[in-house]
Full PDB file with SEQRES, HELIX, SHEET, SSBOND, CRYST1, ORIGX, SCALE, CONECT and MASTER records, all heavy atoms in Angstrom:
SEQRES   1 A   41  ALA VAL SER MET GLY ILE GLN THR ILE LEU GLY ALA LYS          
SEQRES   2 A   41  LYS ILE ILE LEU LEU ALA SER GLY LYS ALA LYS ALA GLU          
SEQRES   3 A   41  ALA VAL HIS SER MET LEU GLU GLY LYS MET THR PRO ASP          
SEQRES   4 A   41  VAL PRO                                                      
HELIX    1 AA1 ILE A    6  LEU A   10  1                                   5    
HELIX    2 AA2 LYS A   22  LYS A   24  5                                   3    
HELIX    3 AA3 ALA A   25  GLU A   33  1                                   9    
CRYST1    1.000    1.000    1.000  90.00  90.00  90.00 P 1           1          
ORIGX1      1.000000  0.000000  0.000000        0.00000                         
ORIGX2      0.000000  1.000000  0.000000        0.00000                         
ORIGX3      0.000000  0.000000  1.000000        0.00000                         
SCALE1      1.000000  0.000000  0.000000        0.00000                         
SCALE2      0.000000  1.000000  0.000000        0.00000                         
SCALE3      0.000000  0.000000  1.000000        0.00000                         
ATOM      1  N   ALA A   1       0.846  -1.190   0.001  1.00  0.00           N  
ATOM      2  CA  ALA A   1       0.002   0.001  -0.002  1.00  0.00           C  
ATOM      3  C   ALA A   1       0.882   1.239   0.001  1.00  0.00           C  
ATOM      4  O   ALA A   1       2.041   1.194   0.402  1.00  0.00           O  
ATOM      5  CB  ALA A   1      -0.914   0.015   1.223  1.00  0.00           C  
ATOM      6  N   VAL A   2       0.322   2.348  -0.465  1.00  0.00           N  
ATOM      7  CA  VAL A   2       0.930   3.663  -0.272  1.00  0.00           C  
ATOM      8  C   VAL A   2       0.325   4.215   1.013  1.00  0.00           C  
ATOM      9  O   VAL A   2      -0.893   4.255   1.169  1.00  0.00           O  
ATOM     10  CB  VAL A   2       0.620   4.617  -1.445  1.00  0.00           C  
ATOM     11  CG1 VAL A   2       1.158   6.012  -1.150  1.00  0.00           C  
ATOM     12  CG2 VAL A   2       1.218   4.072  -2.736  1.00  0.00           C  
ATOM     13  N   SER A   3       1.155   4.601   1.955  1.00  0.00           N  
ATOM     14  CA  SER A   3       0.646   5.060   3.253  1.00  0.00           C  
ATOM     15  C   SER A   3       1.389   6.290   3.737  1.00  0.00           C  
ATOM     16  O   SER A   3       2.609   6.403   3.584  1.00  0.00           O  
ATOM     17  CB  SER A   3       0.804   3.945   4.307  1.00  0.00           C  
ATOM     18  OG  SER A   3       0.369   4.379   5.578  1.00  0.00           O  
ATOM     19  N   MET A   4       0.637   7.226   4.318  1.00  0.00           N  
ATOM     20  CA  MET A   4       1.299   8.286   5.098  1.00  0.00           C  
ATOM     21  C   MET A   4       2.209   7.618   6.124  1.00  0.00           C  
ATOM     22  O   MET A   4       1.886   6.553   6.652  1.00  0.00           O  
ATOM     23  CB  MET A   4       0.268   9.115   5.863  1.00  0.00           C  
ATOM     24  CG  MET A   4      -0.553  10.075   5.072  1.00  0.00           C  
ATOM     25  SD  MET A   4      -1.508  11.084   6.260  1.00  0.00           S  
ATOM     26  CE  MET A   4      -2.751  11.773   5.182  1.00  0.00           C  
ATOM     27  N   GLY A   5       3.321   8.263   6.422  1.00  0.00           N  
ATOM     28  CA  GLY A   5       4.220   7.732   7.429  1.00  0.00           C  
ATOM     29  C   GLY A   5       3.906   8.273   8.816  1.00  0.00           C  
ATOM     30  O   GLY A   5       3.028   9.118   8.996  1.00  0.00           O  
ATOM     31  N   ILE A   6       4.636   7.768   9.793  1.00  0.00           N  
ATOM     32  CA  ILE A   6       4.431   8.207  11.180  1.00  0.00           C  
ATOM     33  C   ILE A   6       4.721   9.704  11.323  1.00  0.00           C  
ATOM     34  O   ILE A   6       3.979  10.441  11.979  1.00  0.00           O  
ATOM     35  CB  ILE A   6       5.333   7.408  12.149  1.00  0.00           C  
ATOM     36  CG1 ILE A   6       5.041   5.904  12.059  1.00  0.00           C  
ATOM     37  CG2 ILE A   6       5.151   7.913  13.577  1.00  0.00           C  
ATOM     38  CD1 ILE A   6       3.702   5.486  12.571  1.00  0.00           C  
ATOM     39  N   GLN A   7       5.776  10.161  10.688  1.00  0.00           N  
ATOM     40  CA  GLN A   7       6.112  11.594  10.756  1.00  0.00           C  
ATOM     41  C   GLN A   7       4.980  12.430  10.172  1.00  0.00           C  
ATOM     42  O   GLN A   7       4.624  13.483  10.730  1.00  0.00           O  
ATOM     43  CB  GLN A   7       7.410  11.870  10.008  1.00  0.00           C  
ATOM     44  CG  GLN A   7       7.828  13.334  10.025  1.00  0.00           C  
ATOM     45  CD  GLN A   7       9.162  13.549   9.320  1.00  0.00           C  
ATOM     46  OE1 GLN A   7      10.173  12.953   9.681  1.00  0.00           O  
ATOM     47  NE2 GLN A   7       9.165  14.390   8.289  1.00  0.00           N  
ATOM     48  N   THR A   8       4.416  11.975   9.073  1.00  0.00           N  
ATOM     49  CA  THR A   8       3.307  12.685   8.440  1.00  0.00           C  
ATOM     50  C   THR A   8       2.113  12.759   9.384  1.00  0.00           C  
ATOM     51  O   THR A   8       1.501  13.823   9.559  1.00  0.00           O  
ATOM     52  CB  THR A   8       2.888  11.974   7.136  1.00  0.00           C  
ATOM     53  OG1 THR A   8       4.057  11.600   6.402  1.00  0.00           O  
ATOM     54  CG2 THR A   8       2.008  12.874   6.290  1.00  0.00           C  
ATOM     55  N   ILE A   9       1.780  11.632  10.008  1.00  0.00           N  
ATOM     56  CA  ILE A   9       0.649  11.580  10.930  1.00  0.00           C  
ATOM     57  C   ILE A   9       0.896  12.472  12.137  1.00  0.00           C  
ATOM     58  O   ILE A   9       0.017  13.225  12.566  1.00  0.00           O  
ATOM     59  CB  ILE A   9       0.388  10.122  11.359  1.00  0.00           C  
ATOM     60  CG1 ILE A   9      -0.146   9.307  10.178  1.00  0.00           C  
ATOM     61  CG2 ILE A   9      -0.587  10.063  12.544  1.00  0.00           C  
ATOM     62  CD1 ILE A   9      -0.170   7.811  10.410  1.00  0.00           C  
ATOM     63  N   LEU A  10       2.102  12.411  12.689  1.00  0.00           N  
ATOM     64  CA  LEU A  10       2.428  13.228  13.864  1.00  0.00           C  
ATOM     65  C   LEU A  10       2.424  14.714  13.543  1.00  0.00           C  
ATOM     66  O   LEU A  10       2.349  15.550  14.445  1.00  0.00           O  
ATOM     67  CB  LEU A  10       3.782  12.822  14.439  1.00  0.00           C  
ATOM     68  CG  LEU A  10       3.844  11.445  15.118  1.00  0.00           C  
ATOM     69  CD1 LEU A  10       5.274  11.115  15.524  1.00  0.00           C  
ATOM     70  CD2 LEU A  10       2.919  11.374  16.328  1.00  0.00           C  
ATOM     71  N   GLY A  11       2.482  15.060  12.253  1.00  0.00           N  
ATOM     72  CA  GLY A  11       2.443  16.457  11.854  1.00  0.00           C  
ATOM     73  C   GLY A  11       1.059  17.073  11.943  1.00  0.00           C  
ATOM     74  O   GLY A  11       0.918  18.300  11.856  1.00  0.00           O  
ATOM     75  N   ALA A  12       0.025  16.248  12.128  1.00  0.00           N  
ATOM     76  CA  ALA A  12      -1.328  16.776  12.274  1.00  0.00           C  
ATOM     77  C   ALA A  12      -1.453  17.551  13.581  1.00  0.00           C  
ATOM     78  O   ALA A  12      -0.853  17.180  14.599  1.00  0.00           O  
ATOM     79  CB  ALA A  12      -2.342  15.634  12.238  1.00  0.00           C  
ATOM     80  N   LYS A  13      -2.263  18.606  13.562  1.00  0.00           N  
ATOM     81  CA  LYS A  13      -2.425  19.423  14.774  1.00  0.00           C  
ATOM     82  C   LYS A  13      -3.201  18.688  15.853  1.00  0.00           C  
ATOM     83  O   LYS A  13      -2.918  18.814  17.045  1.00  0.00           O  
ATOM     84  CB  LYS A  13      -3.116  20.742  14.410  1.00  0.00           C  
ATOM     85  CG  LYS A  13      -2.312  21.599  13.431  1.00  0.00           C  
ATOM     86  CD  LYS A  13      -3.089  22.830  13.001  1.00  0.00           C  
ATOM     87  CE  LYS A  13      -2.299  23.654  11.968  1.00  0.00           C  
ATOM     88  NZ  LYS A  13      -2.186  22.958  10.665  1.00  0.00           N  
ATOM     89  N   LYS A  14      -4.220  17.922  15.442  1.00  0.00           N  
ATOM     90  CA  LYS A  14      -5.009  17.113  16.369  1.00  0.00           C  
ATOM     91  C   LYS A  14      -5.162  15.717  15.774  1.00  0.00           C  
ATOM     92  O   LYS A  14      -5.205  15.556  14.549  1.00  0.00           O  
ATOM     93  CB  LYS A  14      -6.407  17.707  16.587  1.00  0.00           C  
ATOM     94  CG  LYS A  14      -6.439  19.084  17.214  1.00  0.00           C  
ATOM     95  CD  LYS A  14      -7.887  19.572  17.348  1.00  0.00           C  
ATOM     96  CE  LYS A  14      -7.953  20.987  17.906  1.00  0.00           C  
ATOM     97  NZ  LYS A  14      -9.368  21.466  17.975  1.00  0.00           N  
ATOM     98  N   ILE A  15      -5.277  14.727  16.651  1.00  0.00           N  
ATOM     99  CA  ILE A  15      -5.464  13.349  16.211  1.00  0.00           C  
ATOM    100  C   ILE A  15      -6.602  12.735  17.006  1.00  0.00           C  
ATOM    101  O   ILE A  15      -6.696  12.914  18.222  1.00  0.00           O  
ATOM    102  CB  ILE A  15      -4.177  12.517  16.396  1.00  0.00           C  
ATOM    103  CG1 ILE A  15      -3.061  13.028  15.467  1.00  0.00           C  
ATOM    104  CG2 ILE A  15      -4.437  11.028  16.137  1.00  0.00           C  
ATOM    105  CD1 ILE A  15      -1.704  12.379  15.708  1.00  0.00           C  
ATOM    106  N   ILE A  16      -7.484  12.021  16.300  1.00  0.00           N  
ATOM    107  CA  ILE A  16      -8.528  11.212  16.943  1.00  0.00           C  
ATOM    108  C   ILE A  16      -8.297   9.773  16.534  1.00  0.00           C  
ATOM    109  O   ILE A  16      -8.255   9.457  15.337  1.00  0.00           O  
ATOM    110  CB  ILE A  16      -9.937  11.639  16.492  1.00  0.00           C  
ATOM    111  CG1 ILE A  16     -10.217  13.098  16.827  1.00  0.00           C  
ATOM    112  CG2 ILE A  16     -10.992  10.743  17.144  1.00  0.00           C  
ATOM    113  CD1 ILE A  16     -11.534  13.604  16.235  1.00  0.00           C  
ATOM    114  N   LEU A  17      -8.106   8.882  17.501  1.00  0.00           N  
ATOM    115  CA  LEU A  17      -7.938   7.460  17.198  1.00  0.00           C  
ATOM    116  C   LEU A  17      -9.149   6.705  17.723  1.00  0.00           C  
ATOM    117  O   LEU A  17      -9.554   6.883  18.876  1.00  0.00           O  
ATOM    118  CB  LEU A  17      -6.655   6.903  17.809  1.00  0.00           C  
ATOM    119  CG  LEU A  17      -6.358   5.449  17.450  1.00  0.00           C  
ATOM    120  CD1 LEU A  17      -4.869   5.236  17.190  1.00  0.00           C  
ATOM    121  CD2 LEU A  17      -6.848   4.474  18.523  1.00  0.00           C  
ATOM    122  N   LEU A  18      -9.713   5.840  16.876  1.00  0.00           N  
ATOM    123  CA  LEU A  18     -10.902   5.068  17.216  1.00  0.00           C  
ATOM    124  C   LEU A  18     -10.574   3.586  17.282  1.00  0.00           C  
ATOM    125  O   LEU A  18      -9.839   3.060  16.445  1.00  0.00           O  
ATOM    126  CB  LEU A  18     -11.989   5.285  16.155  1.00  0.00           C  
ATOM    127  CG  LEU A  18     -12.303   6.721  15.744  1.00  0.00           C  
ATOM    128  CD1 LEU A  18     -13.355   6.738  14.642  1.00  0.00           C  
ATOM    129  CD2 LEU A  18     -12.766   7.529  16.945  1.00  0.00           C  
ATOM    130  N   ALA A  19     -11.140   2.914  18.287  1.00  0.00           N  
ATOM    131  CA  ALA A  19     -10.953   1.463  18.402  1.00  0.00           C  
ATOM    132  C   ALA A  19     -12.220   0.850  18.979  1.00  0.00           C  
ATOM    133  O   ALA A  19     -12.769   1.344  19.965  1.00  0.00           O  
ATOM    134  CB  ALA A  19      -9.754   1.132  19.275  1.00  0.00           C  
ATOM    135  N   SER A  20     -12.659  -0.227  18.358  1.00  0.00           N  
ATOM    136  CA  SER A  20     -13.890  -0.878  18.771  1.00  0.00           C  
ATOM    137  C   SER A  20     -13.706  -2.396  18.775  1.00  0.00           C  
ATOM    138  O   SER A  20     -13.113  -2.957  17.853  1.00  0.00           O  
ATOM    139  CB  SER A  20     -15.029  -0.501  17.814  1.00  0.00           C  
ATOM    140  OG  SER A  20     -16.205  -1.216  18.102  1.00  0.00           O  
ATOM    141  N   GLY A  21     -14.208  -3.034  19.825  1.00  0.00           N  
ATOM    142  CA  GLY A  21     -14.227  -4.494  19.857  1.00  0.00           C  
ATOM    143  C   GLY A  21     -13.090  -5.115  20.648  1.00  0.00           C  
ATOM    144  O   GLY A  21     -12.016  -4.532  20.822  1.00  0.00           O  
ATOM    145  N   LYS A  22     -13.348  -6.327  21.109  1.00  0.00           N  
ATOM    146  CA  LYS A  22     -12.391  -7.074  21.937  1.00  0.00           C  
ATOM    147  C   LYS A  22     -11.070  -7.332  21.207  1.00  0.00           C  
ATOM    148  O   LYS A  22     -10.009  -7.348  21.818  1.00  0.00           O  
ATOM    149  CB  LYS A  22     -13.024  -8.411  22.338  1.00  0.00           C  
ATOM    150  CG  LYS A  22     -12.336  -9.140  23.454  1.00  0.00           C  
ATOM    151  CD  LYS A  22     -12.746  -8.587  24.797  1.00  0.00           C  
ATOM    152  CE  LYS A  22     -12.258  -9.486  25.931  1.00  0.00           C  
ATOM    153  NZ  LYS A  22     -12.642  -8.947  27.262  1.00  0.00           N  
ATOM    154  N   ALA A  23     -11.152  -7.508  19.891  1.00  0.00           N  
ATOM    155  CA  ALA A  23      -9.940  -7.829  19.118  1.00  0.00           C  
ATOM    156  C   ALA A  23      -8.916  -6.703  19.157  1.00  0.00           C  
ATOM    157  O   ALA A  23      -7.729  -6.941  18.919  1.00  0.00           O  
ATOM    158  CB  ALA A  23     -10.310  -8.148  17.671  1.00  0.00           C  
ATOM    159  N   LYS A  24      -9.356  -5.480  19.465  1.00  0.00           N  
ATOM    160  CA  LYS A  24      -8.438  -4.342  19.508  1.00  0.00           C  
ATOM    161  C   LYS A  24      -7.929  -4.050  20.929  1.00  0.00           C  
ATOM    162  O   LYS A  24      -7.123  -3.142  21.117  1.00  0.00           O  
ATOM    163  CB  LYS A  24      -9.131  -3.090  18.944  1.00  0.00           C  
ATOM    164  CG  LYS A  24      -9.586  -3.224  17.500  1.00  0.00           C  
ATOM    165  CD  LYS A  24      -8.408  -3.380  16.553  1.00  0.00           C  
ATOM    166  CE  LYS A  24      -8.845  -3.572  15.109  1.00  0.00           C  
ATOM    167  NZ  LYS A  24      -9.424  -2.385  14.513  1.00  0.00           N  
ATOM    168  N   ALA A  25      -8.394  -4.801  21.915  1.00  0.00           N  
ATOM    169  CA  ALA A  25      -8.082  -4.482  23.314  1.00  0.00           C  
ATOM    170  C   ALA A  25      -6.582  -4.521  23.608  1.00  0.00           C  
ATOM    171  O   ALA A  25      -6.053  -3.631  24.285  1.00  0.00           O  
ATOM    172  CB  ALA A  25      -8.829  -5.430  24.253  1.00  0.00           C  
ATOM    173  N   GLU A  26      -5.891  -5.518  23.111  1.00  0.00           N  
ATOM    174  CA  GLU A  26      -4.463  -5.632  23.413  1.00  0.00           C  
ATOM    175  C   GLU A  26      -3.673  -4.521  22.728  1.00  0.00           C  
ATOM    176  O   GLU A  26      -2.728  -3.976  23.302  1.00  0.00           O  
ATOM    177  CB  GLU A  26      -3.938  -7.003  22.983  1.00  0.00           C  
ATOM    178  CG  GLU A  26      -2.524  -7.305  23.460  1.00  0.00           C  
ATOM    179  CD  GLU A  26      -2.332  -7.140  24.962  1.00  0.00           C  
ATOM    180  OE1 GLU A  26      -3.208  -7.570  25.726  1.00  0.00           O  
ATOM    181  OE2 GLU A  26      -1.294  -6.553  25.370  1.00  0.00           O  
ATOM    182  N   ALA A  27      -4.056  -4.175  21.496  1.00  0.00           N  
ATOM    183  CA  ALA A  27      -3.373  -3.086  20.795  1.00  0.00           C  
ATOM    184  C   ALA A  27      -3.593  -1.763  21.514  1.00  0.00           C  
ATOM    185  O   ALA A  27      -2.671  -0.948  21.643  1.00  0.00           O  
ATOM    186  CB  ALA A  27      -3.876  -2.993  19.348  1.00  0.00           C  
ATOM    187  N   VAL A  28      -4.810  -1.545  22.014  1.00  0.00           N  
ATOM    188  CA  VAL A  28      -5.109  -0.315  22.760  1.00  0.00           C  
ATOM    189  C   VAL A  28      -4.284  -0.276  24.053  1.00  0.00           C  
ATOM    190  O   VAL A  28      -3.730   0.777  24.412  1.00  0.00           O  
ATOM    191  CB  VAL A  28      -6.616  -0.221  23.067  1.00  0.00           C  
ATOM    192  CG1 VAL A  28      -6.912   0.889  24.069  1.00  0.00           C  
ATOM    193  CG2 VAL A  28      -7.403   0.018  21.779  1.00  0.00           C  
ATOM    194  N   HIS A  29      -4.202  -1.395  24.712  1.00  0.00           N  
ATOM    195  CA  HIS A  29      -3.381  -1.479  25.936  1.00  0.00           C  
ATOM    196  C   HIS A  29      -1.914  -1.135  25.635  1.00  0.00           C  
ATOM    197  O   HIS A  29      -1.295  -0.332  26.347  1.00  0.00           O  
ATOM    198  CB  HIS A  29      -3.483  -2.881  26.536  1.00  0.00           C  
ATOM    199  CG  HIS A  29      -2.383  -3.223  27.491  1.00  0.00           C  
ATOM    200  ND1 HIS A  29      -2.264  -2.643  28.741  1.00  0.00           N  
ATOM    201  CD2 HIS A  29      -1.324  -4.056  27.369  1.00  0.00           C  
ATOM    202  CE1 HIS A  29      -1.196  -3.126  29.350  1.00  0.00           C  
ATOM    203  NE2 HIS A  29      -0.607  -3.979  28.539  1.00  0.00           N  
ATOM    204  N   SER A  30      -1.368  -1.727  24.584  1.00  0.00           N  
ATOM    205  CA  SER A  30       0.038  -1.474  24.239  1.00  0.00           C  
ATOM    206  C   SER A  30       0.265  -0.021  23.846  1.00  0.00           C  
ATOM    207  O   SER A  30       1.295   0.574  24.176  1.00  0.00           O  
ATOM    208  CB  SER A  30       0.467  -2.393  23.091  1.00  0.00           C  
ATOM    209  OG  SER A  30       0.393  -3.749  23.480  1.00  0.00           O  
ATOM    210  N   MET A  31      -0.708   0.563  23.154  1.00  0.00           N  
ATOM    211  CA  MET A  31      -0.591   1.951  22.725  1.00  0.00           C  
ATOM    212  C   MET A  31      -0.579   2.901  23.919  1.00  0.00           C  
ATOM    213  O   MET A  31       0.240   3.825  23.984  1.00  0.00           O  
ATOM    214  CB  MET A  31      -1.761   2.308  21.809  1.00  0.00           C  
ATOM    215  CG  MET A  31      -1.880   3.789  21.478  1.00  0.00           C  
ATOM    216  SD  MET A  31      -3.285   4.178  20.416  1.00  0.00           S  
ATOM    217  CE  MET A  31      -4.665   3.709  21.457  1.00  0.00           C  
ATOM    218  N   LEU A  32      -1.478   2.689  24.860  1.00  0.00           N  
ATOM    219  CA  LEU A  32      -1.652   3.627  25.966  1.00  0.00           C  
ATOM    220  C   LEU A  32      -0.765   3.326  27.169  1.00  0.00           C  
ATOM    221  O   LEU A  32      -0.325   4.251  27.862  1.00  0.00           O  
ATOM    222  CB  LEU A  32      -3.117   3.634  26.412  1.00  0.00           C  
ATOM    223  CG  LEU A  32      -4.118   4.254  25.441  1.00  0.00           C  
ATOM    224  CD1 LEU A  32      -5.539   4.010  25.912  1.00  0.00           C  
ATOM    225  CD2 LEU A  32      -3.867   5.750  25.291  1.00  0.00           C  
ATOM    226  N   GLU A  33      -0.514   2.057  27.433  1.00  0.00           N  
ATOM    227  CA  GLU A  33       0.185   1.683  28.664  1.00  0.00           C  
ATOM    228  C   GLU A  33       1.562   1.077  28.426  1.00  0.00           C  
ATOM    229  O   GLU A  33       2.323   0.890  29.381  1.00  0.00           O  
ATOM    230  CB  GLU A  33      -0.678   0.705  29.464  1.00  0.00           C  
ATOM    231  CG  GLU A  33      -2.009   1.309  29.882  1.00  0.00           C  
ATOM    232  CD  GLU A  33      -2.848   0.408  30.768  1.00  0.00           C  
ATOM    233  OE1 GLU A  33      -2.723  -0.832  30.668  1.00  0.00           O  
ATOM    234  OE2 GLU A  33      -3.621   0.948  31.570  1.00  0.00           O  
ATOM    235  N   GLY A  34       1.886   0.790  27.180  1.00  0.00           N  
ATOM    236  CA  GLY A  34       3.198   0.239  26.877  1.00  0.00           C  
ATOM    237  C   GLY A  34       4.213   1.334  26.617  1.00  0.00           C  
ATOM    238  O   GLY A  34       3.898   2.522  26.623  1.00  0.00           O  
ATOM    239  N   LYS A  35       5.447   0.932  26.386  1.00  0.00           N  
ATOM    240  CA  LYS A  35       6.490   1.903  26.064  1.00  0.00           C  
ATOM    241  C   LYS A  35       6.363   2.336  24.610  1.00  0.00           C  
ATOM    242  O   LYS A  35       5.767   1.640  23.782  1.00  0.00           O  
ATOM    243  CB  LYS A  35       7.868   1.303  26.319  1.00  0.00           C  
ATOM    244  CG  LYS A  35       8.212   0.123  25.418  1.00  0.00           C  
ATOM    245  CD  LYS A  35       9.609  -0.398  25.709  1.00  0.00           C  
ATOM    246  CE  LYS A  35       9.955  -1.561  24.762  1.00  0.00           C  
ATOM    247  NZ  LYS A  35      11.322  -2.073  25.003  1.00  0.00           N  
ATOM    248  N   MET A  36       6.912   3.496  24.313  1.00  0.00           N  
ATOM    249  CA  MET A  36       6.944   3.955  22.923  1.00  0.00           C  
ATOM    250  C   MET A  36       7.948   3.112  22.154  1.00  0.00           C  
ATOM    251  O   MET A  36       9.127   3.076  22.510  1.00  0.00           O  
ATOM    252  CB  MET A  36       7.346   5.432  22.846  1.00  0.00           C  
ATOM    253  CG  MET A  36       6.218   6.392  23.051  1.00  0.00           C  
ATOM    254  SD  MET A  36       6.596   8.053  22.406  1.00  0.00           S  
ATOM    255  CE  MET A  36       8.101   8.429  23.277  1.00  0.00           C  
ATOM    256  N   THR A  37       7.469   2.460  21.115  1.00  0.00           N  
ATOM    257  CA  THR A  37       8.347   1.600  20.334  1.00  0.00           C  
ATOM    258  C   THR A  37       7.808   1.445  18.914  1.00  0.00           C  
ATOM    259  O   THR A  37       6.585   1.344  18.727  1.00  0.00           O  
ATOM    260  CB  THR A  37       8.477   0.202  20.974  1.00  0.00           C  
ATOM    261  OG1 THR A  37       9.172  -0.686  20.079  1.00  0.00           O  
ATOM    262  CG2 THR A  37       7.122  -0.402  21.301  1.00  0.00           C  
ATOM    263  N   PRO A  38       8.699   1.410  17.917  1.00  0.00           N  
ATOM    264  CA  PRO A  38       8.257   1.155  16.547  1.00  0.00           C  
ATOM    265  C   PRO A  38       7.573  -0.199  16.392  1.00  0.00           C  
ATOM    266  O   PRO A  38       6.851  -0.417  15.420  1.00  0.00           O  
ATOM    267  CB  PRO A  38       9.554   1.222  15.736  1.00  0.00           C  
ATOM    268  CG  PRO A  38      10.473   2.067  16.554  1.00  0.00           C  
ATOM    269  CD  PRO A  38      10.145   1.726  17.983  1.00  0.00           C  
ATOM    270  N   ASP A  39       7.791  -1.112  17.345  1.00  0.00           N  
ATOM    271  CA  ASP A  39       7.131  -2.412  17.282  1.00  0.00           C  
ATOM    272  C   ASP A  39       5.625  -2.289  17.458  1.00  0.00           C  
ATOM    273  O   ASP A  39       4.870  -3.177  17.057  1.00  0.00           O  
ATOM    274  CB  ASP A  39       7.696  -3.351  18.355  1.00  0.00           C  
ATOM    275  CG  ASP A  39       9.152  -3.699  18.098  1.00  0.00           C  
ATOM    276  OD1 ASP A  39       9.581  -3.638  16.926  1.00  0.00           O  
ATOM    277  OD2 ASP A  39       9.864  -4.026  19.063  1.00  0.00           O  
ATOM    278  N   VAL A  40       5.190  -1.198  18.099  1.00  0.00           N  
ATOM    279  CA  VAL A  40       3.755  -0.871  18.213  1.00  0.00           C  
ATOM    280  C   VAL A  40       3.621   0.558  17.683  1.00  0.00           C  
ATOM    281  O   VAL A  40       3.674   1.521  18.443  1.00  0.00           O  
ATOM    282  CB  VAL A  40       3.253  -0.963  19.664  1.00  0.00           C  
ATOM    283  CG1 VAL A  40       1.752  -0.668  19.734  1.00  0.00           C  
ATOM    284  CG2 VAL A  40       3.557  -2.329  20.260  1.00  0.00           C  
ATOM    285  N   PRO A  41       3.476   0.724  16.380  1.00  0.00           N  
ATOM    286  CA  PRO A  41       3.491   2.074  15.803  1.00  0.00           C  
ATOM    287  C   PRO A  41       2.544   3.058  16.478  1.00  0.00           C  
ATOM    288  O   PRO A  41       2.868   4.237  16.632  1.00  0.00           O  
ATOM    289  CB  PRO A  41       3.114   1.827  14.343  1.00  0.00           C  
ATOM    290  CG  PRO A  41       3.652   0.458  14.055  1.00  0.00           C  
ATOM    291  CD  PRO A  41       3.402  -0.320  15.317  1.00  0.00           C  
TER     292      PRO A  41                                                      
MASTER        0    0    0    3    0    0    0    6  291    1    0    4          
END                                                                             
């Protein structure tokens, strides 16, 4: 795919991230409570 990069996304003035469902629970946990790492973009 062609995708905006992390730098491009971080350049936005505001960000809204949406997550729904049990399948996203671990990713949400890692995003909010884990360390900053490229392994979890």
